[in-house]
């Protein structure tokens, strides 16, 4: 068993190393699920097989020692060398391969349940959600807000709240579900969403937009136009680049592509049932539903709501819209 455990740890190290080096893409949910099952198997084996065997061996050791001492006492020998208590502890001790598998099962199980059904941490990798979220923000995502979903397969089993315009949502990228994206919900099923001349119109109603002082981006070392936008009950900030043309370049083919009309002013889309239209707050630096289409309900991961750390700027910690 020690050789098998060493082999499993070696395979895990190779998998994580290749994932880190970009040799292949990983699925952390699946990996955590497999680790939970493997450590559960070891925990059950320890609980019902290995531990009883060690306890039986320790009991036999104590019985043999007691019998030996009784035999020697009958012969008048009362002083006997040997510490059976120390030997018993050695017999009962877990071997390393059980300590690093069965011993880790409760911790891995708790992490798996918390991450699958309650809260999951994410790191913001790009600037598409500036100024709401910055590169390096470590955020928490509420996994149950939009309903309880089975881990790995992401199938909803218990409904909860429906996504609302203005929500910041994490979802599986439709073209590559192994990747998680984060954008803002702009269009709900049945909505007609138009983004023309850098202004958002939903179902024929312009979304309220108010000018704010220009936003200074430390990374690009430049100022960008900043506005306050109100989607439903959510008021948040968006950025646009003044000299960037409004037309959408680099559009890919996607399901329900026929629901969208592109022209020199931008795009107008009719959101199909069971899908959502997503956009980044950094409007001219975000590849979103304007480029790759709609997000189906089954791709939803959860609602982002809290920055729990940014190591380069701890003042970022807190809730956001």
C-alpha atoms as a PDB file:
ATOM      1  CA  UNK A   1       0.000   0.000   0.000  1.00  0.00           C
ATOM      2  CA  UNK A   2       2.863   2.386   0.657  1.00  0.00           C
ATOM      3  CA  UNK A   3       4.094   1.886  -2.935  1.00  0.00           C
ATOM      4  CA  UNK A   4       0.583   2.507  -4.307  1.00  0.00           C
ATOM      5  CA  UNK A   5       0.250   5.664  -2.197  1.00  0.00           C
ATOM      6  CA  UNK A   6       3.641   6.906  -3.388  1.00  0.00           C
ATOM      7  CA  UNK A   7       2.573   6.257  -6.983  1.00  0.00           C
ATOM      8  CA  UNK A   8      -0.668   8.225  -6.471  1.00  0.00           C
ATOM      9  CA  UNK A   9       1.216  11.160  -4.976  1.00  0.00           C
ATOM     10  CA  UNK A  10       3.683  11.032  -7.881  1.00  0.00           C
ATOM     11  CA  UNK A  11       0.815  11.150 -10.401  1.00  0.00           C
ATOM     12  CA  UNK A  12      -0.713  14.093  -8.521  1.00  0.00           C
ATOM     13  CA  UNK A  13       2.606  15.950  -8.588  1.00  0.00           C
ATOM     14  CA  UNK A  14       2.999  15.374 -12.339  1.00  0.00           C
ATOM     15  CA  UNK A  15      -0.572  16.528 -12.997  1.00  0.00           C
ATOM     16  CA  UNK A  16      -0.226  19.684 -10.908  1.00  0.00           C
ATOM     17  CA  UNK A  17       3.209  20.430 -12.368  1.00  0.00           C
ATOM     18  CA  UNK A  18       1.973  20.126 -15.946  1.00  0.00           C
ATOM     19  CA  UNK A  19      -1.058  22.243 -15.116  1.00  0.00           C
ATOM     20  CA  UNK A  20       1.125  24.944 -13.554  1.00  0.00           C
ATOM     21  CA  UNK A  21       3.506  24.935 -16.539  1.00  0.00           C
ATOM     22  CA  UNK A  22       0.618  25.147 -19.011  1.00  0.00           C
ATOM     23  CA  UNK A  23       1.195  21.718 -20.554  1.00  0.00           C
ATOM     24  CA  UNK A  24      -2.494  20.930 -20.142  1.00  0.00           C
ATOM     25  CA  UNK A  25      -5.594  22.555 -18.662  1.00  0.00           C
ATOM     26  CA  UNK A  26      -6.813  21.413 -15.267  1.00  0.00           C
ATOM     27  CA  UNK A  27     -10.199  21.046 -13.654  1.00  0.00           C
ATOM     28  CA  UNK A  28      -9.853  21.840  -9.958  1.00  0.00           C
ATOM     29  CA  UNK A  29     -13.429  20.789  -9.129  1.00  0.00           C
ATOM     30  CA  UNK A  30     -12.857  17.367 -10.664  1.00  0.00           C
ATOM     31  CA  UNK A  31      -9.456  17.042  -8.987  1.00  0.00           C
ATOM     32  CA  UNK A  32     -10.927  17.908  -5.580  1.00  0.00           C
ATOM     33  CA  UNK A  33     -13.765  15.408  -6.137  1.00  0.00           C
ATOM     34  CA  UNK A  34     -11.272  12.636  -7.002  1.00  0.00           C
ATOM     35  CA  UNK A  35      -9.099  13.479  -3.991  1.00  0.00           C
ATOM     36  CA  UNK A  36     -12.195  13.307  -1.769  1.00  0.00           C
ATOM     37  CA  UNK A  37     -13.102   9.848  -3.104  1.00  0.00           C
ATOM     38  CA  UNK A  38      -9.543   8.517  -2.845  1.00  0.00           C
ATOM     39  CA  UNK A  39      -8.997   9.760   0.708  1.00  0.00           C
ATOM     40  CA  UNK A  40     -12.468   8.441   1.643  1.00  0.00           C
ATOM     41  CA  UNK A  41     -11.438   4.980   0.414  1.00  0.00           C
ATOM     42  CA  UNK A  42      -8.293   5.139   2.558  1.00  0.00           C
ATOM     43  CA  UNK A  43     -10.296   6.448   5.545  1.00  0.00           C
ATOM     44  CA  UNK A  44     -12.780   3.565   5.280  1.00  0.00           C
ATOM     45  CA  UNK A  45      -9.935   1.065   4.906  1.00  0.00           C
ATOM     46  CA  UNK A  46      -8.256   2.535   7.998  1.00  0.00           C
ATOM     47  CA  UNK A  47     -11.492   2.612   9.994  1.00  0.00           C
ATOM     48  CA  UNK A  48     -12.655  -0.932   9.236  1.00  0.00           C
ATOM     49  CA  UNK A  49      -9.502  -2.868   8.302  1.00  0.00           C
ATOM     50  CA  UNK A  50      -6.094  -1.441   9.206  1.00  0.00           C
ATOM     51  CA  UNK A  51      -6.998   0.077  12.601  1.00  0.00           C
ATOM     52  CA  UNK A  52      -8.784  -3.091  13.876  1.00  0.00           C
ATOM     53  CA  UNK A  53      -5.738  -5.127  12.823  1.00  0.00           C
ATOM     54  CA  UNK A  54      -3.396  -2.819  14.725  1.00  0.00           C
ATOM     55  CA  UNK A  55      -5.676  -2.847  17.782  1.00  0.00           C
ATOM     56  CA  UNK A  56      -5.794  -6.662  17.662  1.00  0.00           C
ATOM     57  CA  UNK A  57      -2.000  -6.801  17.405  1.00  0.00           C
ATOM     58  CA  UNK A  58      -1.623  -4.417  20.353  1.00  0.00           C
ATOM     59  CA  UNK A  59      -4.085  -6.457  22.416  1.00  0.00           C
ATOM     60  CA  UNK A  60      -2.212  -9.655  21.602  1.00  0.00           C
ATOM     61  CA  UNK A  61       1.054  -7.942  22.563  1.00  0.00           C
ATOM     62  CA  UNK A  62      -0.365  -6.926  25.933  1.00  0.00           C
ATOM     63  CA  UNK A  63      -1.851 -10.398  26.521  1.00  0.00           C
ATOM     64  CA  UNK A  64       1.449 -12.104  25.694  1.00  0.00           C
ATOM     65  CA  UNK A  65       3.308  -9.691  27.964  1.00  0.00           C
ATOM     66  CA  UNK A  66       0.869 -10.288  30.822  1.00  0.00           C
ATOM     67  CA  UNK A  67       1.115 -14.057  30.376  1.00  0.00           C
ATOM     68  CA  UNK A  68       4.925 -13.876  30.333  1.00  0.00           C
ATOM     69  CA  UNK A  69       5.018 -11.784  33.501  1.00  0.00           C
ATOM     70  CA  UNK A  70       2.579 -14.158  35.235  1.00  0.00           C
ATOM     71  CA  UNK A  71       4.715 -17.130  34.244  1.00  0.00           C
ATOM     72  CA  UNK A  72       7.866 -15.463  35.536  1.00  0.00           C
ATOM     73  CA  UNK A  73       6.128 -14.372  38.751  1.00  0.00           C
ATOM     74  CA  UNK A  74       5.130 -17.993  39.379  1.00  0.00           C
ATOM     75  CA  UNK A  75       8.842 -18.815  39.304  1.00  0.00           C
ATOM     76  CA  UNK A  76       9.582 -16.042  41.759  1.00  0.00           C
ATOM     77  CA  UNK A  77      10.827 -13.508  39.242  1.00  0.00           C
ATOM     78  CA  UNK A  78       9.135 -10.181  39.833  1.00  0.00           C
ATOM     79  CA  UNK A  79      11.465  -7.794  38.043  1.00  0.00           C
ATOM     80  CA  UNK A  80      10.958  -8.052  34.247  1.00  0.00           C
ATOM     81  CA  UNK A  81      12.656  -5.878  31.645  1.00  0.00           C
ATOM     82  CA  UNK A  82      10.726  -4.335  28.708  1.00  0.00           C
ATOM     83  CA  UNK A  83       8.198  -1.541  28.317  1.00  0.00           C
ATOM     84  CA  UNK A  84       5.063  -2.934  26.690  1.00  0.00           C
ATOM     85  CA  UNK A  85       3.381   0.499  26.668  1.00  0.00           C
ATOM     86  CA  UNK A  86       5.989   1.910  24.290  1.00  0.00           C
ATOM     87  CA  UNK A  87       5.735  -1.137  22.053  1.00  0.00           C
ATOM     88  CA  UNK A  88       1.938  -0.830  22.059  1.00  0.00           C
ATOM     89  CA  UNK A  89       2.147   2.789  20.886  1.00  0.00           C
ATOM     90  CA  UNK A  90       4.405   1.748  18.015  1.00  0.00           C
ATOM     91  CA  UNK A  91       2.008  -0.989  16.941  1.00  0.00           C
ATOM     92  CA  UNK A  92      -0.994   1.386  17.036  1.00  0.00           C
ATOM     93  CA  UNK A  93       0.741   4.239  15.177  1.00  0.00           C
ATOM     94  CA  UNK A  94      -0.522   5.040  11.670  1.00  0.00           C
ATOM     95  CA  UNK A  95       1.986   4.415   8.876  1.00  0.00           C
ATOM     96  CA  UNK A  96       2.887   7.524   6.807  1.00  0.00           C
ATOM     97  CA  UNK A  97       0.803   6.471   3.822  1.00  0.00           C
ATOM     98  CA  UNK A  98      -2.354   6.363   5.952  1.00  0.00           C
ATOM     99  CA  UNK A  99      -1.482   9.568   7.764  1.00  0.00           C
ATOM    100  CA  UNK A 100      -1.226  11.392   4.412  1.00  0.00           C
ATOM    101  CA  UNK A 101      -4.431   9.917   2.973  1.00  0.00           C
ATOM    102  CA  UNK A 102      -6.999   8.830   5.567  1.00  0.00           C
ATOM    103  CA  UNK A 103      -5.745  11.560   7.897  1.00  0.00           C
ATOM    104  CA  UNK A 104      -6.426  14.234   5.276  1.00  0.00           C
ATOM    105  CA  UNK A 105      -9.930  13.033   4.379  1.00  0.00           C
ATOM    106  CA  UNK A 106     -11.883  15.227   6.880  1.00  0.00           C
ATOM    107  CA  UNK A 107     -10.033  18.363   5.753  1.00  0.00           C
ATOM    108  CA  UNK A 108     -10.455  17.628   2.036  1.00  0.00           C
ATOM    109  CA  UNK A 109     -14.136  16.775   2.576  1.00  0.00           C
ATOM    110  CA  UNK A 110     -14.814  20.091   4.331  1.00  0.00           C
ATOM    111  CA  UNK A 111     -13.000  22.032   1.588  1.00  0.00           C
ATOM    112  CA  UNK A 112     -14.904  20.122  -1.096  1.00  0.00           C
ATOM    113  CA  UNK A 113     -18.309  20.811   0.495  1.00  0.00           C
ATOM    114  CA  UNK A 114     -17.578  24.484   1.181  1.00  0.00           C
ATOM    115  CA  UNK A 115     -16.214  25.086  -2.319  1.00  0.00           C
ATOM    116  CA  UNK A 116     -18.955  23.115  -4.073  1.00  0.00           C
ATOM    117  CA  UNK A 117     -22.034  24.404  -2.278  1.00  0.00           C
ATOM    118  CA  UNK A 118     -21.217  27.596  -0.358  1.00  0.00           C
ATOM    119  CA  UNK A 119     -18.312  29.834  -1.364  1.00  0.00           C
ATOM    120  CA  UNK A 120     -15.508  29.529  -3.876  1.00  0.00           C
ATOM    121  CA  UNK A 121     -12.455  31.797  -4.167  1.00  0.00           C
ATOM    122  CA  UNK A 122     -11.352  33.253  -7.508  1.00  0.00           C
ATOM    123  CA  UNK A 123      -8.513  35.460  -8.622  1.00  0.00           C
ATOM    124  CA  UNK A 124      -9.189  38.229 -11.159  1.00  0.00           C
ATOM    125  CA  UNK A 125      -6.781  37.531 -14.052  1.00  0.00           C
ATOM    126  CA  UNK A 126      -7.530  40.427 -16.407  1.00  0.00           C
ATOM    127  CA  UNK A 127      -8.674  44.046 -16.493  1.00  0.00           C
ATOM    128  CA  UNK A 128     -12.040  43.473 -18.167  1.00  0.00           C
ATOM    129  CA  UNK A 129     -13.949  44.391 -14.982  1.00  0.00           C
ATOM    130  CA  UNK A 130     -11.967  47.545 -14.106  1.00  0.00           C
ATOM    131  CA  UNK A 131     -12.860  49.735 -12.217  1.00  0.00           C
ATOM    132  CA  UNK A 132     -15.127  47.382 -10.228  1.00  0.00           C
ATOM    133  CA  UNK A 133     -12.522  44.618  -9.948  1.00  0.00           C
ATOM    134  CA  UNK A 134      -8.783  44.994 -10.449  1.00  0.00           C
ATOM    135  CA  UNK A 135      -6.182  42.500 -11.628  1.00  0.00           C
ATOM    136  CA  UNK A 136      -5.031  40.555  -8.564  1.00  0.00           C
ATOM    137  CA  UNK A 137      -8.263  40.915  -6.586  1.00  0.00           C
ATOM    138  CA  UNK A 138      -9.069  37.703  -4.728  1.00  0.00           C
ATOM    139  CA  UNK A 139     -12.836  37.414  -4.606  1.00  0.00           C
ATOM    140  CA  UNK A 140     -15.481  35.175  -3.078  1.00  0.00           C
ATOM    141  CA  UNK A 141     -18.304  33.716  -5.145  1.00  0.00           C
ATOM    142  CA  UNK A 142     -21.620  32.689  -3.622  1.00  0.00           C
ATOM    143  CA  UNK A 143     -22.273  29.208  -5.052  1.00  0.00           C
ATOM    144  CA  UNK A 144     -25.849  28.798  -3.786  1.00  0.00           C
ATOM    145  CA  UNK A 145     -27.275  32.237  -4.691  1.00  0.00           C
ATOM    146  CA  UNK A 146     -28.493  31.042  -8.094  1.00  0.00           C
ATOM    147  CA  UNK A 147     -29.382  27.550  -6.862  1.00  0.00           C
ATOM    148  CA  UNK A 148     -27.668  24.415  -5.586  1.00  0.00           C
ATOM    149  CA  UNK A 149     -25.697  22.620  -8.308  1.00  0.00           C
ATOM    150  CA  UNK A 150     -23.973  19.265  -8.261  1.00  0.00           C
ATOM    151  CA  UNK A 151     -20.183  19.618  -8.281  1.00  0.00           C
ATOM    152  CA  UNK A 152     -18.167  18.752 -11.414  1.00  0.00           C
ATOM    153  CA  UNK A 153     -21.224  18.353 -13.704  1.00  0.00           C
ATOM    154  CA  UNK A 154     -22.728  21.691 -12.512  1.00  0.00           C
ATOM    155  CA  UNK A 155     -26.307  20.448 -12.804  1.00  0.00           C
ATOM    156  CA  UNK A 156     -28.844  22.526 -10.856  1.00  0.00           C
ATOM    157  CA  UNK A 157     -30.840  20.405  -8.405  1.00  0.00           C
ATOM    158  CA  UNK A 158     -32.420  23.124  -6.227  1.00  0.00           C
ATOM    159  CA  UNK A 159     -33.512  26.486  -7.639  1.00  0.00           C
ATOM    160  CA  UNK A 160     -32.911  29.722  -5.759  1.00  0.00           C
ATOM    161  CA  UNK A 161     -32.588  33.307  -7.033  1.00  0.00           C
ATOM    162  CA  UNK A 162     -32.600  34.113 -10.734  1.00  0.00           C
ATOM    163  CA  UNK A 163     -29.762  36.268 -12.127  1.00  0.00           C
ATOM    164  CA  UNK A 164     -30.628  39.966 -12.221  1.00  0.00           C
ATOM    165  CA  UNK A 165     -29.310  42.771 -14.406  1.00  0.00           C
ATOM    166  CA  UNK A 166     -26.275  44.264 -12.736  1.00  0.00           C
ATOM    167  CA  UNK A 167     -25.123  41.071 -10.980  1.00  0.00           C
ATOM    168  CA  UNK A 168     -21.424  40.261 -11.249  1.00  0.00           C
ATOM    169  CA  UNK A 169     -21.397  36.608 -12.221  1.00  0.00           C
ATOM    170  CA  UNK A 170     -18.766  33.894 -12.570  1.00  0.00           C
ATOM    171  CA  UNK A 171     -19.539  31.360 -15.285  1.00  0.00           C
ATOM    172  CA  UNK A 172     -17.934  28.697 -17.395  1.00  0.00           C
ATOM    173  CA  UNK A 173     -16.788  30.111 -20.707  1.00  0.00           C
ATOM    174  CA  UNK A 174     -19.206  28.714 -23.329  1.00  0.00           C
ATOM    175  CA  UNK A 175     -16.458  27.924 -25.866  1.00  0.00           C
ATOM    176  CA  UNK A 176     -14.221  26.240 -23.261  1.00  0.00           C
ATOM    177  CA  UNK A 177     -16.054  25.192 -20.067  1.00  0.00           C
ATOM    178  CA  UNK A 178     -12.729  24.410 -18.365  1.00  0.00           C
ATOM    179  CA  UNK A 179     -12.189  28.187 -18.050  1.00  0.00           C
ATOM    180  CA  UNK A 180     -14.059  30.425 -15.612  1.00  0.00           C
ATOM    181  CA  UNK A 181     -14.972  33.973 -16.690  1.00  0.00           C
ATOM    182  CA  UNK A 182     -16.376  36.875 -14.709  1.00  0.00           C
ATOM    183  CA  UNK A 183     -18.594  39.594 -16.228  1.00  0.00           C
ATOM    184  CA  UNK A 184     -21.687  41.619 -15.389  1.00  0.00           C
ATOM    185  CA  UNK A 185     -25.195  40.442 -16.269  1.00  0.00           C
ATOM    186  CA  UNK A 186     -26.612  42.925 -18.787  1.00  0.00           C
ATOM    187  CA  UNK A 187     -29.348  41.020 -20.612  1.00  0.00           C
ATOM    188  CA  UNK A 188     -31.835  38.464 -19.246  1.00  0.00           C
ATOM    189  CA  UNK A 189     -33.692  35.800 -21.269  1.00  0.00           C
ATOM    190  CA  UNK A 190     -36.010  37.550 -23.746  1.00  0.00           C
ATOM    191  CA  UNK A 191     -34.306  40.945 -23.480  1.00  0.00           C
ATOM    192  CA  UNK A 192     -33.241  42.927 -26.517  1.00  0.00           C
ATOM    193  CA  UNK A 193     -29.814  44.349 -25.695  1.00  0.00           C
ATOM    194  CA  UNK A 194     -28.262  47.059 -27.862  1.00  0.00           C
ATOM    195  CA  UNK A 195     -24.812  48.512 -27.375  1.00  0.00           C
ATOM    196  CA  UNK A 196     -24.628  51.306 -29.943  1.00  0.00           C
ATOM    197  CA  UNK A 197     -22.140  54.160 -29.975  1.00  0.00           C
ATOM    198  CA  UNK A 198     -20.976  52.936 -26.556  1.00  0.00           C
ATOM    199  CA  UNK A 199     -24.364  53.403 -24.949  1.00  0.00           C
ATOM    200  CA  UNK A 200     -26.424  50.549 -23.556  1.00  0.00           C
ATOM    201  CA  UNK A 201     -30.117  50.195 -24.415  1.00  0.00           C
ATOM    202  CA  UNK A 202     -32.285  47.382 -23.007  1.00  0.00           C
ATOM    203  CA  UNK A 203     -35.719  46.675 -24.456  1.00  0.00           C
ATOM    204  CA  UNK A 204     -35.731  50.093 -26.083  1.00  0.00           C
ATOM    205  CA  UNK A 205     -34.908  51.950 -22.835  1.00  0.00           C
ATOM    206  CA  UNK A 206     -31.510  53.676 -22.543  1.00  0.00           C
ATOM    207  CA  UNK A 207     -29.647  52.598 -19.410  1.00  0.00           C
ATOM    208  CA  UNK A 208     -29.053  55.684 -17.189  1.00  0.00           C
ATOM    209  CA  UNK A 209     -25.500  56.936 -17.611  1.00  0.00           C
ATOM    210  CA  UNK A 210     -23.813  59.753 -15.688  1.00  0.00           C
ATOM    211  CA  UNK A 211     -20.356  61.233 -16.336  1.00  0.00           C
ATOM    212  CA  UNK A 212     -17.718  60.877 -13.625  1.00  0.00           C
ATOM    213  CA  UNK A 213     -14.145  62.192 -13.375  1.00  0.00           C
ATOM    214  CA  UNK A 214     -11.726  60.281 -15.603  1.00  0.00           C
ATOM    215  CA  UNK A 215     -10.291  57.093 -14.169  1.00  0.00           C
ATOM    216  CA  UNK A 216      -6.504  56.796 -13.836  1.00  0.00           C
ATOM    217  CA  UNK A 217      -5.187  53.304 -14.515  1.00  0.00           C
ATOM    218  CA  UNK A 218      -1.870  52.644 -12.777  1.00  0.00           C
ATOM    219  CA  UNK A 219      -1.010  49.745 -15.112  1.00  0.00           C
ATOM    220  CA  UNK A 220      -1.546  51.584 -18.413  1.00  0.00           C
ATOM    221  CA  UNK A 221      -0.530  54.943 -16.902  1.00  0.00           C
ATOM    222  CA  UNK A 222      -3.336  56.822 -18.593  1.00  0.00           C
ATOM    223  CA  UNK A 223      -6.732  58.349 -17.948  1.00  0.00           C
ATOM    224  CA  UNK A 224      -9.937  56.749 -19.246  1.00  0.00           C
ATOM    225  CA  UNK A 225     -13.475  58.068 -19.522  1.00  0.00           C
ATOM    226  CA  UNK A 226     -15.543  56.958 -16.531  1.00  0.00           C
ATOM    227  CA  UNK A 227     -19.311  56.817 -16.113  1.00  0.00           C
ATOM    228  CA  UNK A 228     -21.826  55.736 -13.515  1.00  0.00           C
ATOM    229  CA  UNK A 229     -24.297  53.249 -15.025  1.00  0.00           C
ATOM    230  CA  UNK A 230     -27.473  51.933 -13.412  1.00  0.00           C
ATOM    231  CA  UNK A 231     -28.622  48.440 -14.353  1.00  0.00           C
ATOM    232  CA  UNK A 232     -31.840  47.643 -12.530  1.00  0.00           C
ATOM    233  CA  UNK A 233     -31.168  48.535  -8.900  1.00  0.00           C
ATOM    234  CA  UNK A 234     -27.373  48.242  -9.247  1.00  0.00           C
ATOM    235  CA  UNK A 235     -25.338  51.391  -9.792  1.00  0.00           C
ATOM    236  CA  UNK A 236     -21.764  50.766 -10.844  1.00  0.00           C
ATOM    237  CA  UNK A 237     -18.909  52.362 -12.784  1.00  0.00           C
ATOM    238  CA  UNK A 238     -17.882  51.657 -16.372  1.00  0.00           C
ATOM    239  CA  UNK A 239     -14.981  52.799 -18.533  1.00  0.00           C
ATOM    240  CA  UNK A 240     -14.792  53.629 -22.239  1.00  0.00           C
ATOM    241  CA  UNK A 241     -11.887  54.681 -24.429  1.00  0.00           C
ATOM    242  CA  UNK A 242     -12.765  57.870 -26.267  1.00  0.00           C
ATOM    243  CA  UNK A 243     -10.757  57.188 -29.430  1.00  0.00           C
ATOM    244  CA  UNK A 244     -11.807  53.526 -29.764  1.00  0.00           C
ATOM    245  CA  UNK A 245     -14.380  52.959 -32.591  1.00  0.00           C
ATOM    246  CA  UNK A 246     -17.804  51.618 -31.529  1.00  0.00           C
ATOM    247  CA  UNK A 247     -18.005  48.699 -33.983  1.00  0.00           C
ATOM    248  CA  UNK A 248     -17.284  45.160 -32.735  1.00  0.00           C
ATOM    249  CA  UNK A 249     -14.260  43.530 -34.365  1.00  0.00           C
ATOM    250  CA  UNK A 250     -13.241  39.873 -34.059  1.00  0.00           C
ATOM    251  CA  UNK A 251     -16.700  38.348 -33.569  1.00  0.00           C
ATOM    252  CA  UNK A 252     -16.687  34.526 -33.510  1.00  0.00           C
ATOM    253  CA  UNK A 253     -19.396  32.065 -34.484  1.00  0.00           C
ATOM    254  CA  UNK A 254     -21.591  31.057 -31.537  1.00  0.00           C
ATOM    255  CA  UNK A 255     -24.989  29.457 -30.834  1.00  0.00           C
ATOM    256  CA  UNK A 256     -27.891  31.813 -31.649  1.00  0.00           C
ATOM    257  CA  UNK A 257     -25.548  34.031 -33.655  1.00  0.00           C
ATOM    258  CA  UNK A 258     -28.566  34.840 -35.823  1.00  0.00           C
ATOM    259  CA  UNK A 259     -30.095  36.711 -32.848  1.00  0.00           C
ATOM    260  CA  UNK A 260     -27.465  39.457 -33.187  1.00  0.00           C
ATOM    261  CA  UNK A 261     -27.146  42.271 -35.719  1.00  0.00           C
ATOM    262  CA  UNK A 262     -23.779  43.989 -36.113  1.00  0.00           C
ATOM    263  CA  UNK A 263     -23.129  47.328 -37.771  1.00  0.00           C
ATOM    264  CA  UNK A 264     -20.706  50.242 -37.606  1.00  0.00           C
ATOM    265  CA  UNK A 265     -22.402  51.558 -34.438  1.00  0.00           C
ATOM    266  CA  UNK A 266     -22.161  48.331 -32.433  1.00  0.00           C
ATOM    267  CA  UNK A 267     -24.466  45.363 -31.886  1.00  0.00           C
ATOM    268  CA  UNK A 268     -28.092  44.534 -31.083  1.00  0.00           C
ATOM    269  CA  UNK A 269     -28.980  41.071 -29.723  1.00  0.00           C
ATOM    270  CA  UNK A 270     -32.128  39.246 -28.677  1.00  0.00           C
ATOM    271  CA  UNK A 271     -31.242  37.063 -25.686  1.00  0.00           C
ATOM    272  CA  UNK A 272     -32.575  33.502 -26.185  1.00  0.00           C
ATOM    273  CA  UNK A 273     -34.457  31.622 -23.433  1.00  0.00           C
ATOM    274  CA  UNK A 274     -32.234  30.190 -20.721  1.00  0.00           C
ATOM    275  CA  UNK A 275     -29.297  32.438 -21.676  1.00  0.00           C
ATOM    276  CA  UNK A 276     -27.704  35.689 -20.505  1.00  0.00           C
ATOM    277  CA  UNK A 277     -25.873  38.568 -22.177  1.00  0.00           C
ATOM    278  CA  UNK A 278     -22.691  39.447 -20.278  1.00  0.00           C
ATOM    279  CA  UNK A 279     -20.413  42.481 -20.506  1.00  0.00           C
ATOM    280  CA  UNK A 280     -17.283  43.693 -18.737  1.00  0.00           C
ATOM    281  CA  UNK A 281     -17.265  47.087 -17.015  1.00  0.00           C
ATOM    282  CA  UNK A 282     -14.105  48.039 -18.929  1.00  0.00           C
ATOM    283  CA  UNK A 283     -16.217  48.239 -22.071  1.00  0.00           C
ATOM    284  CA  UNK A 284     -13.497  48.791 -24.673  1.00  0.00           C
ATOM    285  CA  UNK A 285     -11.145  46.250 -23.090  1.00  0.00           C
ATOM    286  CA  UNK A 286     -13.451  43.318 -22.536  1.00  0.00           C
ATOM    287  CA  UNK A 287     -14.174  40.328 -24.749  1.00  0.00           C
ATOM    288  CA  UNK A 288     -17.670  39.377 -23.723  1.00  0.00           C
ATOM    289  CA  UNK A 289     -21.072  38.429 -25.157  1.00  0.00           C
ATOM    290  CA  UNK A 290     -20.598  41.007 -27.916  1.00  0.00           C
ATOM    291  CA  UNK A 291     -17.808  38.805 -29.277  1.00  0.00           C
ATOM    292  CA  UNK A 292     -18.540  35.187 -28.277  1.00  0.00           C
ATOM    293  CA  UNK A 293     -22.259  35.095 -27.575  1.00  0.00           C
ATOM    294  CA  UNK A 294     -24.640  34.174 -24.788  1.00  0.00           C
ATOM    295  CA  UNK A 295     -24.028  32.313 -21.522  1.00  0.00           C
ATOM    296  CA  UNK A 296     -26.401  29.366 -20.944  1.00  0.00           C
ATOM    297  CA  UNK A 297     -27.894  28.850 -17.488  1.00  0.00           C
ATOM    298  CA  UNK A 298     -26.058  25.540 -17.044  1.00  0.00           C
ATOM    299  CA  UNK A 299     -22.713  27.389 -17.225  1.00  0.00           C
ATOM    300  CA  UNK A 300     -23.419  29.600 -14.198  1.00  0.00           C
ATOM    301  CA  UNK A 301     -20.983  29.132 -11.298  1.00  0.00           C
ATOM    302  CA  UNK A 302     -22.154  31.786  -8.834  1.00  0.00           C
ATOM    303  CA  UNK A 303     -22.509  35.420  -7.857  1.00  0.00           C
ATOM    304  CA  UNK A 304     -19.336  37.364  -7.034  1.00  0.00           C
ATOM    305  CA  UNK A 305     -19.813  39.664  -4.059  1.00  0.00           C
ATOM    306  CA  UNK A 306     -16.667  40.257  -1.967  1.00  0.00           C
ATOM    307  CA  UNK A 307     -12.963  41.055  -2.374  1.00  0.00           C
ATOM    308  CA  UNK A 308     -11.255  39.196   0.455  1.00  0.00           C
ATOM    309  CA  UNK A 309      -7.677  40.175  -0.435  1.00  0.00           C
ATOM    310  CA  UNK A 310      -5.459  42.031  -2.856  1.00  0.00           C
ATOM    311  CA  UNK A 311      -1.840  41.629  -1.763  1.00  0.00           C
ATOM    312  CA  UNK A 312      -0.681  44.737  -3.610  1.00  0.00           C
ATOM    313  CA  UNK A 313      -3.576  46.843  -2.279  1.00  0.00           C
ATOM    314  CA  UNK A 314      -5.196  45.571   0.957  1.00  0.00           C
ATOM    315  CA  UNK A 315      -7.578  48.560   0.927  1.00  0.00           C
ATOM    316  CA  UNK A 316      -9.477  46.717  -1.825  1.00  0.00           C
ATOM    317  CA  UNK A 317     -10.976  44.331   0.752  1.00  0.00           C
ATOM    318  CA  UNK A 318     -14.765  44.647   0.952  1.00  0.00           C
ATOM    319  CA  UNK A 319     -18.059  44.192  -0.872  1.00  0.00           C
ATOM    320  CA  UNK A 320     -18.681  45.619  -4.348  1.00  0.00           C
ATOM    321  CA  UNK A 321     -21.521  46.261  -6.793  1.00  0.00           C
END
